Amino acid sequence: MVEAVGKQASFQLAAALLRRNGTLLYFGVPNKEEGRGVMTIDFLRMFSNETRIVTTVGPNPHADYSPALQWITEGRIDVRPMLTHTLPFADIQQAFTMAFEETEKHGAVKVVLHFD
């Protein structure tokens, strides 16, 4: 399981969805102003299910981007559930507000702008 959002709710959800002996790759960077980057987790559940958390600061562009794009293209990774909002470029300010200031209010995970 890959957590790439960096929010407390998505971190907890990803950890809860892990199968037994699963691994959570924590890729999302928490906002230091919101809770100083501290994340809470149900450790007893993870302990009981023998799961692991692996953290990373960022991808290795040379080693990671090419396979990631290939897996998305092949349909091995479905990114559609992460794309919660799609707005026209004309609504860029609303998109930034949704993505960075009012994420909980709008339920935004990833906001995409389209250019028509």
PDB file of N, CA and C in Angstrom:
ATOM      1  N   MET A   1       0.859  -1.149   0.000  1.00  0.00           N
ATOM      2  CA  MET A   1       0.000   0.000   0.000  1.00  0.00           C
ATOM      3  C   MET A   1       0.912   1.220   0.000  1.00  0.00           C
ATOM      4  N   VAL A   2       0.571   2.218  -0.826  1.00  0.00           N
ATOM      5  CA  VAL A   2       1.337   3.460  -0.892  1.00  0.00           C
ATOM      6  C   VAL A   2       0.449   4.600  -0.418  1.00  0.00           C
ATOM      7  N   GLU A   3       0.903   5.347   0.563  1.00  0.00           N
ATOM      8  CA  GLU A   3       0.211   6.541   1.025  1.00  0.00           C
ATOM      9  C   GLU A   3       0.994   7.717   0.479  1.00  0.00           C
ATOM     10  N   ALA A   4       0.349   8.516  -0.383  1.00  0.00           N
ATOM     11  CA  ALA A   4       1.062   9.599  -1.065  1.00  0.00           C
ATOM     12  C   ALA A   4       0.443  10.963  -0.813  1.00  0.00           C
ATOM     13  N   VAL A   5      -0.458  11.065   0.154  1.00  0.00           N
ATOM     14  CA  VAL A   5      -1.164  12.324   0.389  1.00  0.00           C
ATOM     15  C   VAL A   5      -0.542  13.115   1.532  1.00  0.00           C
ATOM     16  N   GLY A   6      -0.172  12.450   2.602  1.00  0.00           N
ATOM     17  CA  GLY A   6       0.454  13.129   3.730  1.00  0.00           C
ATOM     18  C   GLY A   6      -0.513  13.683   4.751  1.00  0.00           C
ATOM     19  N   LYS A   7      -1.740  13.203   4.746  1.00  0.00           N
ATOM     20  CA  LYS A   7      -2.748  13.651   5.717  1.00  0.00           C
ATOM     21  C   LYS A   7      -2.994  12.545   6.738  1.00  0.00           C
ATOM     22  N   GLN A   8      -3.369  12.939   7.950  1.00  0.00           N
ATOM     23  CA  GLN A   8      -3.640  11.974   9.018  1.00  0.00           C
ATOM     24  C   GLN A   8      -4.701  10.963   8.589  1.00  0.00           C
ATOM     25  N   ALA A   9      -5.792  11.431   7.997  1.00  0.00           N
ATOM     26  CA  ALA A   9      -6.882  10.529   7.612  1.00  0.00           C
ATOM     27  C   ALA A   9      -6.434   9.505   6.574  1.00  0.00           C
ATOM     28  N   SER A  10      -5.666   9.932   5.582  1.00  0.00           N
ATOM     29  CA  SER A  10      -5.223   8.988   4.547  1.00  0.00           C
ATOM     30  C   SER A  10      -4.184   8.015   5.100  1.00  0.00           C
ATOM     31  N   PHE A  11      -3.366   8.476   6.031  1.00  0.00           N
ATOM     32  CA  PHE A  11      -2.380   7.603   6.670  1.00  0.00           C
ATOM     33  C   PHE A  11      -3.081   6.501   7.461  1.00  0.00           C
ATOM     34  N   GLN A  12      -4.081   6.888   8.258  1.00  0.00           N
ATOM     35  CA  GLN A  12      -4.813   5.907   9.054  1.00  0.00           C
ATOM     36  C   GLN A  12      -5.593   4.943   8.164  1.00  0.00           C
ATOM     37  N   LEU A  13      -6.210   5.455   7.096  1.00  0.00           N
ATOM     38  CA  LEU A  13      -6.963   4.596   6.185  1.00  0.00           C
ATOM     39  C   LEU A  13      -6.036   3.587   5.515  1.00  0.00           C
ATOM     40  N   ALA A  14      -4.899   4.045   5.026  1.00  0.00           N
ATOM     41  CA  ALA A  14      -3.950   3.139   4.369  1.00  0.00           C
ATOM     42  C   ALA A  14      -3.490   2.052   5.333  1.00  0.00           C
ATOM     43  N   ALA A  15      -3.198   2.418   6.566  1.00  0.00           N
ATOM     44  CA  ALA A  15      -2.763   1.433   7.559  1.00  0.00           C
ATOM     45  C   ALA A  15      -3.884   0.443   7.868  1.00  0.00           C
ATOM     46  N   ALA A  16      -5.125   0.927   7.926  1.00  0.00           N
ATOM     47  CA  ALA A  16      -6.266   0.053   8.217  1.00  0.00           C
ATOM     48  C   ALA A  16      -6.559  -0.913   7.070  1.00  0.00           C
ATOM     49  N   LEU A  17      -6.254  -0.517   5.841  1.00  0.00           N
ATOM     50  CA  LEU A  17      -6.544  -1.353   4.678  1.00  0.00           C
ATOM     51  C   LEU A  17      -5.462  -2.388   4.382  1.00  0.00           C
ATOM     52  N   LEU A  18      -4.360  -2.323   5.092  1.00  0.00           N
ATOM     53  CA  LEU A  18      -3.272  -3.277   4.853  1.00  0.00           C
ATOM     54  C   LEU A  18      -3.720  -4.702   5.138  1.00  0.00           C
ATOM     55  N   ARG A  19      -3.355  -5.605   4.259  1.00  0.00           N
ATOM     56  CA  ARG A  19      -3.621  -7.020   4.520  1.00  0.00           C
ATOM     57  C   ARG A  19      -2.578  -7.548   5.503  1.00  0.00           C
ATOM     58  N   ARG A  20      -2.836  -8.711   6.027  1.00  0.00           N
ATOM     59  CA  ARG A  20      -1.900  -9.349   6.953  1.00  0.00           C
ATOM     60  C   ARG A  20      -0.528  -9.467   6.277  1.00  0.00           C
ATOM     61  N   ASN A  21       0.518  -9.149   6.999  1.00  0.00           N
ATOM     62  CA  ASN A  21       1.905  -9.149   6.513  1.00  0.00           C
ATOM     63  C   ASN A  21       2.153  -8.113   5.420  1.00  0.00           C
ATOM     64  N   GLY A  22       1.252  -7.150   5.271  1.00  0.00           N
ATOM     65  CA  GLY A  22       1.406  -6.117   4.249  1.00  0.00           C
ATOM     66  C   GLY A  22       2.418  -5.057   4.653  1.00  0.00           C
ATOM     67  N   THR A  23       2.789  -4.246   3.674  1.00  0.00           N
ATOM     68  CA  THR A  23       3.735  -3.154   3.895  1.00  0.00           C
ATOM     69  C   THR A  23       3.105  -1.849   3.446  1.00  0.00           C
ATOM     70  N   LEU A  24       3.195  -0.838   4.284  1.00  0.00           N
ATOM     71  CA  LEU A  24       2.729   0.504   3.954  1.00  0.00           C
ATOM     72  C   LEU A  24       3.945   1.350   3.608  1.00  0.00           C
ATOM     73  N   LEU A  25       4.008   1.830   2.377  1.00  0.00           N
ATOM     74  CA  LEU A  25       5.058   2.765   1.975  1.00  0.00           C
ATOM     75  C   LEU A  25       4.506   4.162   2.204  1.00  0.00           C
ATOM     76  N   TYR A  26       5.047   4.830   3.211  1.00  0.00           N
ATOM     77  CA  TYR A  26       4.572   6.162   3.559  1.00  0.00           C
ATOM     78  C   TYR A  26       5.382   7.177   2.769  1.00  0.00           C
ATOM     79  N   PHE A  27       4.772   7.671   1.702  1.00  0.00           N
ATOM     80  CA  PHE A  27       5.415   8.561   0.745  1.00  0.00           C
ATOM     81  C   PHE A  27       4.942  10.004   0.917  1.00  0.00           C
ATOM     82  N   GLY A  28       3.742  10.193   1.465  1.00  0.00           N
ATOM     83  CA  GLY A  28       3.183  11.532   1.647  1.00  0.00           C
ATOM     84  C   GLY A  28       3.955  12.310   2.693  1.00  0.00           C
ATOM     85  N   VAL A  29       4.116  13.585   2.467  1.00  0.00           N
ATOM     86  CA  VAL A  29       4.845  14.442   3.405  1.00  0.00           C
ATOM     87  C   VAL A  29       3.828  15.218   4.228  1.00  0.00           C
ATOM     88  N   PRO A  30       3.813  15.018   5.554  1.00  0.00           N
ATOM     89  CA  PRO A  30       2.842  15.731   6.379  1.00  0.00           C
ATOM     90  C   PRO A  30       3.162  17.219   6.462  1.00  0.00           C
ATOM     91  N   ASN A  31       2.128  18.016   6.613  1.00  0.00           N
ATOM     92  CA  ASN A  31       2.262  19.457   6.769  1.00  0.00           C
ATOM     93  C   ASN A  31       2.699  19.730   8.202  1.00  0.00           C
ATOM     94  N   LYS A  32       3.856  20.328   8.367  1.00  0.00           N
ATOM     95  CA  LYS A  32       4.398  20.562   9.704  1.00  0.00           C
ATOM     96  C   LYS A  32       3.528  21.509  10.524  1.00  0.00           C
ATOM     97  N   GLU A  33       2.829  22.428   9.872  1.00  0.00           N
ATOM     98  CA  GLU A  33       1.985  23.366  10.598  1.00  0.00           C
ATOM     99  C   GLU A  33       0.749  22.677  11.165  1.00  0.00           C
ATOM    100  N   GLU A  34       0.305  21.597  10.548  1.00  0.00           N
ATOM    101  CA  GLU A  34      -0.863  20.854  11.021  1.00  0.00           C
ATOM    102  C   GLU A  34      -0.392  19.669  11.849  1.00  0.00           C
ATOM    103  N   GLY A  35      -0.178  19.872  13.122  1.00  0.00           N
ATOM    104  CA  GLY A  35       0.216  18.780  13.996  1.00  0.00           C
ATOM    105  C   GLY A  35       1.703  18.497  14.011  1.00  0.00           C
ATOM    106  N   ARG A  36       2.515  19.426  13.506  1.00  0.00           N
ATOM    107  CA  ARG A  36       3.973  19.302  13.542  1.00  0.00           C
ATOM    108  C   ARG A  36       4.468  18.030  12.864  1.00  0.00           C
ATOM    109  N   GLY A  37       3.711  17.500  11.920  1.00  0.00           N
ATOM    110  CA  GLY A  37       4.145  16.312  11.201  1.00  0.00           C
ATOM    111  C   GLY A  37       3.970  15.019  11.979  1.00  0.00           C
ATOM    112  N   VAL A  38       3.261  15.063  13.106  1.00  0.00           N
ATOM    113  CA  VAL A  38       3.049  13.875  13.928  1.00  0.00           C
ATOM    114  C   VAL A  38       1.824  13.123  13.415  1.00  0.00           C
ATOM    115  N   MET A  39       1.987  11.820  13.181  1.00  0.00           N
ATOM    116  CA  MET A  39       0.884  10.971  12.739  1.00  0.00           C
ATOM    117  C   MET A  39       0.615   9.921  13.806  1.00  0.00           C
ATOM    118  N   THR A  40      -0.661   9.666  14.089  1.00  0.00           N
ATOM    119  CA  THR A  40      -1.012   8.603  15.026  1.00  0.00           C
ATOM    120  C   THR A  40      -1.509   7.398  14.239  1.00  0.00           C
ATOM    121  N   ILE A  41      -1.340   6.229  14.833  1.00  0.00           N
ATOM    122  CA  ILE A  41      -1.709   4.993  14.148  1.00  0.00           C
ATOM    123  C   ILE A  41      -2.127   3.952  15.185  1.00  0.00           C
ATOM    124  N   ASP A  42      -2.976   3.042  14.781  1.00  0.00           N
ATOM    125  CA  ASP A  42      -3.400   1.932  15.631  1.00  0.00           C
ATOM    126  C   ASP A  42      -2.286   0.881  15.627  1.00  0.00           C
ATOM    127  N   PHE A  43      -1.337   1.068  16.523  1.00  0.00           N
ATOM    128  CA  PHE A  43      -0.174   0.182  16.547  1.00  0.00           C
ATOM    129  C   PHE A  43      -0.568  -1.256  16.874  1.00  0.00           C
ATOM    130  N   LEU A  44      -1.531  -1.453  17.769  1.00  0.00           N
ATOM    131  CA  LEU A  44      -1.938  -2.806  18.138  1.00  0.00           C
ATOM    132  C   LEU A  44      -2.459  -3.572  16.922  1.00  0.00           C
ATOM    133  N   ARG A  45      -3.224  -2.897  16.065  1.00  0.00           N
ATOM    134  CA  ARG A  45      -3.725  -3.538  14.844  1.00  0.00           C
ATOM    135  C   ARG A  45      -2.556  -3.939  13.929  1.00  0.00           C
ATOM    136  N   MET A  46      -1.611  -3.029  13.761  1.00  0.00           N
ATOM    137  CA  MET A  46      -0.457  -3.334  12.913  1.00  0.00           C
ATOM    138  C   MET A  46       0.368  -4.475  13.516  1.00  0.00           C
ATOM    139  N   PHE A  47       0.529  -4.448  14.815  1.00  0.00           N
ATOM    140  CA  PHE A  47       1.278  -5.501  15.497  1.00  0.00           C
ATOM    141  C   PHE A  47       0.581  -6.846  15.311  1.00  0.00           C
ATOM    142  N   SER A  48      -0.737  -6.879  15.519  1.00  0.00           N
ATOM    143  CA  SER A  48      -1.507  -8.124  15.400  1.00  0.00           C
ATOM    144  C   SER A  48      -1.483  -8.681  13.983  1.00  0.00           C
ATOM    145  N   ASN A  49      -1.495  -7.797  12.982  1.00  0.00           N
ATOM    146  CA  ASN A  49      -1.504  -8.227  11.579  1.00  0.00           C
ATOM    147  C   ASN A  49      -0.103  -8.375  10.990  1.00  0.00           C
ATOM    148  N   GLU A  50       0.909  -8.128  11.816  1.00  0.00           N
ATOM    149  CA  GLU A  50       2.304  -8.261  11.390  1.00  0.00           C
ATOM    150  C   GLU A  50       2.599  -7.434  10.140  1.00  0.00           C
ATOM    151  N   THR A  51       2.175  -6.175  10.177  1.00  0.00           N
ATOM    152  CA  THR A  51       2.400  -5.278   9.043  1.00  0.00           C
ATOM    153  C   THR A  51       3.614  -4.398   9.301  1.00  0.00           C
ATOM    154  N   ARG A  52       4.081  -3.741   8.240  1.00  0.00           N
ATOM    155  CA  ARG A  52       5.274  -2.900   8.310  1.00  0.00           C
ATOM    156  C   ARG A  52       4.983  -1.518   7.717  1.00  0.00           C
ATOM    157  N   ILE A  53       5.721  -0.527   8.202  1.00  0.00           N
ATOM    158  CA  ILE A  53       5.691   0.810   7.616  1.00  0.00           C
ATOM    159  C   ILE A  53       7.100   1.127   7.132  1.00  0.00           C
ATOM    160  N   VAL A  54       7.189   1.558   5.886  1.00  0.00           N
ATOM    161  CA  VAL A  54       8.460   1.988   5.308  1.00  0.00           C
ATOM    162  C   VAL A  54       8.271   3.438   4.888  1.00  0.00           C
ATOM    163  N   THR A  55       9.191   4.294   5.272  1.00  0.00           N
ATOM    164  CA  THR A  55       9.089   5.703   4.901  1.00  0.00           C
ATOM    165  C   THR A  55      10.103   6.039   3.818  1.00  0.00           C
ATOM    166  N   THR A  56       9.797   7.091   3.093  1.00  0.00           N
ATOM    167  CA  THR A  56      10.716   7.579   2.069  1.00  0.00           C
ATOM    168  C   THR A  56      10.551   9.084   1.948  1.00  0.00           C
ATOM    169  N   VAL A  57      11.628   9.763   1.690  1.00  0.00           N
ATOM    170  CA  VAL A  57      11.583  11.215   1.515  1.00  0.00           C
ATOM    171  C   VAL A  57      11.067  11.570   0.133  1.00  0.00           C
ATOM    172  N   GLY A  58      11.425  10.774  -0.818  1.00  0.00           N
ATOM    173  CA  GLY A  58      10.994  11.053  -2.183  1.00  0.00           C
ATOM    174  C   GLY A  58      11.461   9.959  -3.120  1.00  0.00           C
ATOM    175  N   PRO A  59      10.943   9.991  -4.319  1.00  0.00           N
ATOM    176  CA  PRO A  59      11.317   8.957  -5.274  1.00  0.00           C
ATOM    177  C   PRO A  59      12.704   9.208  -5.849  1.00  0.00           C
ATOM    178  N   ASN A  60      13.274   8.175  -6.375  1.00  0.00           N
ATOM    179  CA  ASN A  60      14.491   8.295  -7.160  1.00  0.00           C
ATOM    180  C   ASN A  60      14.024   8.462  -8.603  1.00  0.00           C
ATOM    181  N   PRO A  61      14.131   9.656  -9.174  1.00  0.00           N
ATOM    182  CA  PRO A  61      13.577   9.898 -10.509  1.00  0.00           C
ATOM    183  C   PRO A  61      14.083   8.930 -11.568  1.00  0.00           C
ATOM    184  N   HIS A  62      15.330   8.520 -11.467  1.00  0.00           N
ATOM    185  CA  HIS A  62      15.899   7.634 -12.483  1.00  0.00           C
ATOM    186  C   HIS A  62      15.376   6.211 -12.353  1.00  0.00           C
ATOM    187  N   ALA A  63      15.116   5.784 -11.137  1.00  0.00           N
ATOM    188  CA  ALA A  63      14.702   4.398 -10.922  1.00  0.00           C
ATOM    189  C   ALA A  63      13.195   4.224 -10.772  1.00  0.00           C
ATOM    190  N   ASP A  64      12.487   5.266 -10.327  1.00  0.00           N
ATOM    191  CA  ASP A  64      11.086   5.095  -9.947  1.00  0.00           C
ATOM    192  C   ASP A  64      10.062   5.608 -10.953  1.00  0.00           C
ATOM    193  N   TYR A  65      10.331   6.719 -11.624  1.00  0.00           N
ATOM    194  CA  TYR A  65       9.316   7.323 -12.487  1.00  0.00           C
ATOM    195  C   TYR A  65       8.943   6.443 -13.670  1.00  0.00           C
ATOM    196  N   SER A  66       9.935   5.872 -14.323  1.00  0.00           N
ATOM    197  CA  SER A  66       9.655   5.060 -15.506  1.00  0.00           C
ATOM    198  C   SER A  66       8.771   3.859 -15.185  1.00  0.00           C
ATOM    199  N   PRO A  67       9.110   3.044 -14.162  1.00  0.00           N
ATOM    200  CA  PRO A  67       8.217   1.925 -13.865  1.00  0.00           C
ATOM    201  C   PRO A  67       6.847   2.381 -13.372  1.00  0.00           C
ATOM    202  N   ALA A  68       6.795   3.473 -12.601  1.00  0.00           N
ATOM    203  CA  ALA A  68       5.503   3.956 -12.115  1.00  0.00           C
ATOM    204  C   ALA A  68       4.601   4.346 -13.280  1.00  0.00           C
ATOM    205  N   LEU A  69       5.134   5.090 -14.234  1.00  0.00           N
ATOM    206  CA  LEU A  69       4.338   5.471 -15.404  1.00  0.00           C
ATOM    207  C   LEU A  69       3.930   4.251 -16.219  1.00  0.00           C
ATOM    208  N   GLN A  70       4.822   3.289 -16.327  1.00  0.00           N
ATOM    209  CA  GLN A  70       4.496   2.062 -17.060  1.00  0.00           C
ATOM    210  C   GLN A  70       3.356   1.313 -16.368  1.00  0.00           C
ATOM    211  N   TRP A  71       3.412   1.188 -15.052  1.00  0.00           N
ATOM    212  CA  TRP A  71       2.369   0.474 -14.315  1.00  0.00           C
ATOM    213  C   TRP A  71       1.028   1.188 -14.434  1.00  0.00           C
ATOM    214  N   ILE A  72       1.049   2.528 -14.410  1.00  0.00           N
ATOM    215  CA  ILE A  72      -0.194   3.289 -14.579  1.00  0.00           C
ATOM    216  C   ILE A  72      -0.740   3.071 -15.978  1.00  0.00           C
ATOM    217  N   THR A  73       0.117   3.156 -16.986  1.00  0.00           N
ATOM    218  CA  THR A  73      -0.292   2.960 -18.378  1.00  0.00           C
ATOM    219  C   THR A  73      -0.856   1.562 -18.603  1.00  0.00           C
ATOM    220  N   GLU A  74      -0.243   0.562 -18.004  1.00  0.00           N
ATOM    221  CA  GLU A  74      -0.690  -0.823 -18.159  1.00  0.00           C
ATOM    222  C   GLU A  74      -1.942  -1.136 -17.354  1.00  0.00           C
ATOM    223  N   GLY A  75      -2.352  -0.220 -16.481  1.00  0.00           N
ATOM    224  CA  GLY A  75      -3.520  -0.463 -15.646  1.00  0.00           C
ATOM    225  C   GLY A  75      -3.217  -1.264 -14.391  1.00  0.00           C
ATOM    226  N   ARG A  76      -1.949  -1.506 -14.118  1.00  0.00           N
ATOM    227  CA  ARG A  76      -1.576  -2.238 -12.906  1.00  0.00           C
ATOM    228  C   ARG A  76      -1.784  -1.384 -11.660  1.00  0.00           C
ATOM    229  N   ILE A  77      -1.698  -0.071 -11.831  1.00  0.00           N
ATOM    230  CA  ILE A  77      -1.992   0.874 -10.752  1.00  0.00           C
ATOM    231  C   ILE A  77      -3.102   1.782 -11.259  1.00  0.00           C
ATOM    232  N   ASP A  78      -4.208   1.817 -10.527  1.00  0.00           N
ATOM    233  CA  ASP A  78      -5.339   2.662 -10.901  1.00  0.00           C
ATOM    234  C   ASP A  78      -5.292   3.929 -10.053  1.00  0.00           C
ATOM    235  N   VAL A  79      -4.940   5.042 -10.662  1.00  0.00           N
ATOM    236  CA  VAL A  79      -4.819   6.298  -9.920  1.00  0.00           C
ATOM    237  C   VAL A  79      -6.140   7.066  -9.851  1.00  0.00           C
ATOM    238  N   ARG A  80      -7.161   6.583 -10.557  1.00  0.00           N
ATOM    239  CA  ARG A  80      -8.436   7.315 -10.583  1.00  0.00           C
ATOM    240  C   ARG A  80      -9.035   7.576  -9.204  1.00  0.00           C
ATOM    241  N   PRO A  81      -8.966   6.636  -8.246  1.00  0.00           N
ATOM    242  CA  PRO A  81      -9.540   6.938  -6.933  1.00  0.00           C
ATOM    243  C   PRO A  81      -8.863   8.108  -6.212  1.00  0.00           C
ATOM    244  N   MET A  82      -7.613   8.404  -6.562  1.00  0.00           N
ATOM    245  CA  MET A  82      -6.915   9.528  -5.931  1.00  0.00           C
ATOM    246  C   MET A  82      -7.340  10.867  -6.520  1.00  0.00           C
ATOM    247  N   LEU A  83      -7.845  10.865  -7.753  1.00  0.00           N
ATOM    248  CA  LEU A  83      -8.227  12.102  -8.434  1.00  0.00           C
ATOM    249  C   LEU A  83      -9.654  12.448  -8.043  1.00  0.00           C
ATOM    250  N   THR A  84      -9.784  13.192  -6.954  1.00  0.00           N
ATOM    251  CA  THR A  84     -11.107  13.455  -6.394  1.00  0.00           C
ATOM    252  C   THR A  84     -11.812  14.641  -7.032  1.00  0.00           C
ATOM    253  N   HIS A  85     -11.077  15.557  -7.609  1.00  0.00           N
ATOM    254  CA  HIS A  85     -11.680  16.762  -8.187  1.00  0.00           C
ATOM    255  C   HIS A  85     -10.974  17.125  -9.490  1.00  0.00           C
ATOM    256  N   THR A  86     -11.756  17.475 -10.496  1.00  0.00           N
ATOM    257  CA  THR A  86     -11.227  17.957 -11.771  1.00  0.00           C
ATOM    258  C   THR A  86     -11.903  19.284 -12.079  1.00  0.00           C
ATOM    259  N   LEU A  87     -11.094  20.305 -12.274  1.00  0.00           N
ATOM    260  CA  LEU A  87     -11.619  21.652 -12.516  1.00  0.00           C
ATOM    261  C   LEU A  87     -10.967  22.244 -13.753  1.00  0.00           C
ATOM    262  N   PRO A  88     -11.667  23.177 -14.419  1.00  0.00           N
ATOM    263  CA  PRO A  88     -11.036  23.867 -15.549  1.00  0.00           C
ATOM    264  C   PRO A  88      -9.952  24.820 -15.047  1.00  0.00           C
ATOM    265  N   PHE A  89      -8.982  25.092 -15.908  1.00  0.00           N
ATOM    266  CA  PHE A  89      -7.883  25.975 -15.535  1.00  0.00           C
ATOM    267  C   PHE A  89      -8.386  27.342 -15.067  1.00  0.00           C
ATOM    268  N   ALA A  90      -9.504  27.782 -15.600  1.00  0.00           N
ATOM    269  CA  ALA A  90     -10.072  29.077 -15.200  1.00  0.00           C
ATOM    270  C   ALA A  90     -10.391  29.114 -13.705  1.00  0.00           C
ATOM    271  N   ASP A  91     -10.590  27.954 -13.081  1.00  0.00           N
ATOM    272  CA  ASP A  91     -10.904  27.872 -11.651  1.00  0.00           C
ATOM    273  C   ASP A  91      -9.674  27.504 -10.818  1.00  0.00           C
ATOM    274  N   ILE A  92      -8.514  27.960 -11.251  1.00  0.00           N
ATOM    275  CA  ILE A  92      -7.269  27.575 -10.589  1.00  0.00           C
ATOM    276  C   ILE A  92      -7.230  27.996  -9.118  1.00  0.00           C
ATOM    277  N   GLN A  93      -7.763  29.164  -8.785  1.00  0.00           N
ATOM    278  CA  GLN A  93      -7.739  29.599  -7.390  1.00  0.00           C
ATOM    279  C   GLN A  93      -8.583  28.677  -6.521  1.00  0.00           C
ATOM    280  N   GLN A  94      -9.758  28.293  -7.012  1.00  0.00           N
ATOM    281  CA  GLN A  94     -10.605  27.356  -6.280  1.00  0.00           C
ATOM    282  C   GLN A  94      -9.889  26.013  -6.106  1.00  0.00           C
ATOM    283  N   ALA A  95      -9.183  25.574  -7.140  1.00  0.00           N
ATOM    284  CA  ALA A  95      -8.447  24.308  -7.073  1.00  0.00           C
ATOM    285  C   ALA A  95      -7.372  24.362  -5.986  1.00  0.00           C
ATOM    286  N   PHE A  96      -6.628  25.465  -5.918  1.00  0.00           N
ATOM    287  CA  PHE A  96      -5.599  25.598  -4.889  1.00  0.00           C
ATOM    288  C   PHE A  96      -6.218  25.639  -3.500  1.00  0.00           C
ATOM    289  N   THR A  97      -7.336  26.335  -3.368  1.00  0.00           N
ATOM    290  CA  THR A  97      -8.023  26.387  -2.074  1.00  0.00           C
ATOM    291  C   THR A  97      -8.453  24.989  -1.647  1.00  0.00           C
ATOM    292  N   MET A  98      -9.037  24.239  -2.576  1.00  0.00           N
ATOM    293  CA  MET A  98      -9.479  22.874  -2.268  1.00  0.00           C
ATOM    294  C   MET A  98      -8.301  21.980  -1.893  1.00  0.00           C
ATOM    295  N   ALA A  99      -7.217  22.098  -2.626  1.00  0.00           N
ATOM    296  CA  ALA A  99      -6.083  21.190  -2.450  1.00  0.00           C
ATOM    297  C   ALA A  99      -5.237  21.507  -1.223  1.00  0.00           C
ATOM    298  N   PHE A 100      -5.140  22.787  -0.861  1.00  0.00           N
ATOM    299  CA  PHE A 100      -4.181  23.149   0.175  1.00  0.00           C
ATOM    300  C   PHE A 100      -4.771  23.804   1.416  1.00  0.00           C
ATOM    301  N   GLU A 101      -5.945  24.400   1.313  1.00  0.00           N
ATOM    302  CA  GLU A 101      -6.477  25.125   2.459  1.00  0.00           C
ATOM    303  C   GLU A 101      -7.717  24.482   3.062  1.00  0.00           C
ATOM    304  N   GLU A 102      -8.553  23.883   2.245  1.00  0.00           N
ATOM    305  CA  GLU A 102      -9.820  23.334   2.729  1.00  0.00           C
ATOM    306  C   GLU A 102      -9.978  21.878   2.306  1.00  0.00           C
ATOM    307  N   THR A 103      -8.926  21.096   2.471  1.00  0.00           N
ATOM    308  CA  THR A 103      -8.963  19.711   1.989  1.00  0.00           C
ATOM    309  C   THR A 103     -10.021  18.883   2.705  1.00  0.00           C
ATOM    310  N   GLU A 104     -10.153  19.051   4.003  1.00  0.00           N
ATOM    311  CA  GLU A 104     -11.142  18.277   4.760  1.00  0.00           C
ATOM    312  C   GLU A 104     -12.557  18.671   4.353  1.00  0.00           C
ATOM    313  N   LYS A 105     -12.786  19.956   4.174  1.00  0.00           N
ATOM    314  CA  LYS A 105     -14.119  20.450   3.802  1.00  0.00           C
ATOM    315  C   LYS A 105     -14.574  19.872   2.463  1.00  0.00           C
ATOM    316  N   HIS A 106     -13.682  19.786   1.506  1.00  0.00           N
ATOM    317  CA  HIS A 106     -14.031  19.331   0.158  1.00  0.00           C
ATOM    318  C   HIS A 106     -13.737  17.846  -0.060  1.00  0.00           C
ATOM    319  N   GLY A 107     -13.046  17.206   0.867  1.00  0.00           N
ATOM    320  CA  GLY A 107     -12.676  15.806   0.687  1.00  0.00           C
ATOM    321  C   GLY A 107     -11.659  15.614  -0.422  1.00  0.00           C
ATOM    322  N   ALA A 108     -10.840  16.620  -0.639  1.00  0.00           N
ATOM    323  CA  ALA A 108      -9.876  16.580  -1.741  1.00  0.00           C
ATOM    324  C   ALA A 108      -8.689  15.689  -1.396  1.00  0.00           C
ATOM    325  N   VAL A 109      -8.336  14.834  -2.340  1.00  0.00           N
ATOM    326  CA  VAL A 109      -7.108  14.054  -2.248  1.00  0.00           C
ATOM    327  C   VAL A 109      -6.128  14.621  -3.268  1.00  0.00           C
ATOM    328  N   LYS A 110      -6.481  14.546  -4.541  1.00  0.00           N
ATOM    329  CA  LYS A 110      -5.688  15.160  -5.612  1.00  0.00           C
ATOM    330  C   LYS A 110      -6.644  15.954  -6.496  1.00  0.00           C
ATOM    331  N   VAL A 111      -6.297  17.193  -6.741  1.00  0.00           N
ATOM    332  CA  VAL A 111      -7.099  18.081  -7.583  1.00  0.00           C
ATOM    333  C   VAL A 111      -6.365  18.259  -8.909  1.00  0.00           C
ATOM    334  N   VAL A 112      -7.073  18.035 -10.009  1.00  0.00           N
ATOM    335  CA  VAL A 112      -6.485  18.099 -11.342  1.00  0.00           C
ATOM    336  C   VAL A 112      -7.102  19.261 -12.108  1.00  0.00           C
ATOM    337  N   LEU A 113      -6.257  20.011 -12.808  1.00  0.00           N
ATOM    338  CA  LEU A 113      -6.738  21.074 -13.692  1.00  0.00           C
ATOM    339  C   LEU A 113      -6.724  20.563 -15.122  1.00  0.00           C
ATOM    340  N   HIS A 114      -7.773  20.886 -15.874  1.00  0.00           N
ATOM    341  CA  HIS A 114      -7.770  20.516 -17.293  1.00  0.00           C
ATOM    342  C   HIS A 114      -7.796  21.782 -18.134  1.00  0.00           C
ATOM    343  N   PHE A 115      -7.168  21.700 -19.273  1.00  0.00           N
ATOM    344  CA  PHE A 115      -7.029  22.830 -20.178  1.00  0.00           C
ATOM    345  C   PHE A 115      -7.875  22.563 -21.413  1.00  0.00           C
ATOM    346  N   ASP A 116      -8.965  23.296 -21.544  1.00  0.00           N
ATOM    347  CA  ASP A 116      -9.837  23.132 -22.721  1.00  0.00           C
ATOM    348  C   ASP A 116      -9.590  24.218 -23.732  1.00  0.00           C
TER     349      ASP A 116
END
